[in-house]
Amino acid sequence: MKQTLKLKAVLISTDGGMNWLCTRQYYLTDPQTRVLLNNTFEGRKFTTIEGTENESTSIQPKTS
């Protein structure tokens, strides 16, 4: 099951937007419950995932 979160952060890419580094996090919430979450993504790397015609393009944490 995929969980969608709302993250307000500063992300930096050095490869044209394929990979991202979270350098500053302002907040993280669950959009369904509107609860602020305590998870910290600063220093974590993300990768761009292309969406289908029914989904938007998003970023997801890198596993490697």
Protein backbone atom coordinates (compact mmCIF):
# COMPACT_ATOMS: atom_id res chain seq x y z
CA MET A 1 0.00 0.00 0.00
CA LYS A 2 1.38 3.39 -1.03
CA GLN A 3 1.02 6.22 1.49
CA THR A 4 0.98 9.80 0.24
CA LEU A 5 2.56 12.42 2.48
CA LYS A 6 2.72 16.20 2.15
CA LEU A 7 6.27 17.47 2.58
CA LYS A 8 7.35 21.11 2.48
CA ALA A 9 11.11 21.11 2.05
CA VAL A 10 14.06 22.44 0.10
CA LEU A 11 15.29 19.77 -2.33
CA ILE A 12 18.46 20.18 -4.40
CA SER A 13 19.24 18.31 -7.63
CA THR A 14 22.59 18.25 -9.43
CA ASP A 15 21.50 16.01 -12.32
CA GLY A 16 18.63 17.86 -13.94
CA GLY A 17 15.88 16.70 -11.60
CA MET A 18 16.29 12.91 -11.58
CA ASN A 19 17.70 12.67 -8.03
CA TRP A 20 17.16 15.03 -5.10
CA LEU A 21 18.71 15.72 -1.68
CA CYS A 22 16.50 17.13 1.10
CA THR A 23 18.50 19.97 2.64
CA ARG A 24 15.78 21.67 4.73
CA GLN A 25 12.43 20.36 5.97
CA TYR A 26 9.64 22.66 7.12
CA TYR A 27 6.87 20.15 7.79
CA LEU A 28 5.55 16.69 6.95
CA THR A 29 1.85 15.82 7.21
CA ASP A 30 -0.57 13.04 6.34
CA PRO A 31 -3.05 14.77 4.00
CA GLN A 32 -5.93 12.45 4.97
CA THR A 33 -5.71 13.02 8.74
CA ARG A 34 -3.88 16.40 8.60
CA VAL A 35 -1.63 15.19 11.43
CA LEU A 36 1.92 16.58 11.58
CA LEU A 37 4.46 13.74 11.49
CA ASN A 38 7.78 13.67 13.35
CA ASN A 39 9.76 11.89 10.58
CA THR A 40 12.83 13.79 9.41
CA PHE A 41 13.89 13.63 5.75
CA GLU A 42 16.79 16.09 5.94
CA GLY A 43 19.86 14.41 4.44
CA ARG A 44 17.77 11.73 2.67
CA LYS A 45 18.05 11.17 -1.07
CA PHE A 46 15.01 10.94 -3.35
CA THR A 47 14.48 9.89 -6.95
CA THR A 48 11.92 11.10 -9.50
CA ILE A 49 9.20 8.61 -10.42
CA GLU A 50 7.35 9.29 -13.68
CA GLY A 51 3.60 9.04 -13.27
CA THR A 52 1.10 7.45 -15.61
CA GLU A 53 -1.61 9.50 -17.31
CA ASN A 54 -3.70 9.12 -14.11
CA GLU A 55 -0.87 10.00 -11.71
CA SER A 56 1.40 12.99 -11.42
CA THR A 57 5.18 12.75 -11.38
CA SER A 58 6.42 12.36 -7.80
CA ILE A 59 9.57 11.79 -5.82
CA GLN A 60 10.22 8.77 -3.62
CA PRO A 61 13.00 7.94 -1.17
CA LYS A 62 15.95 6.15 -2.79
CA THR A 63 16.48 2.61 -1.56
CA SER A 64 20.16 2.38 -2.52
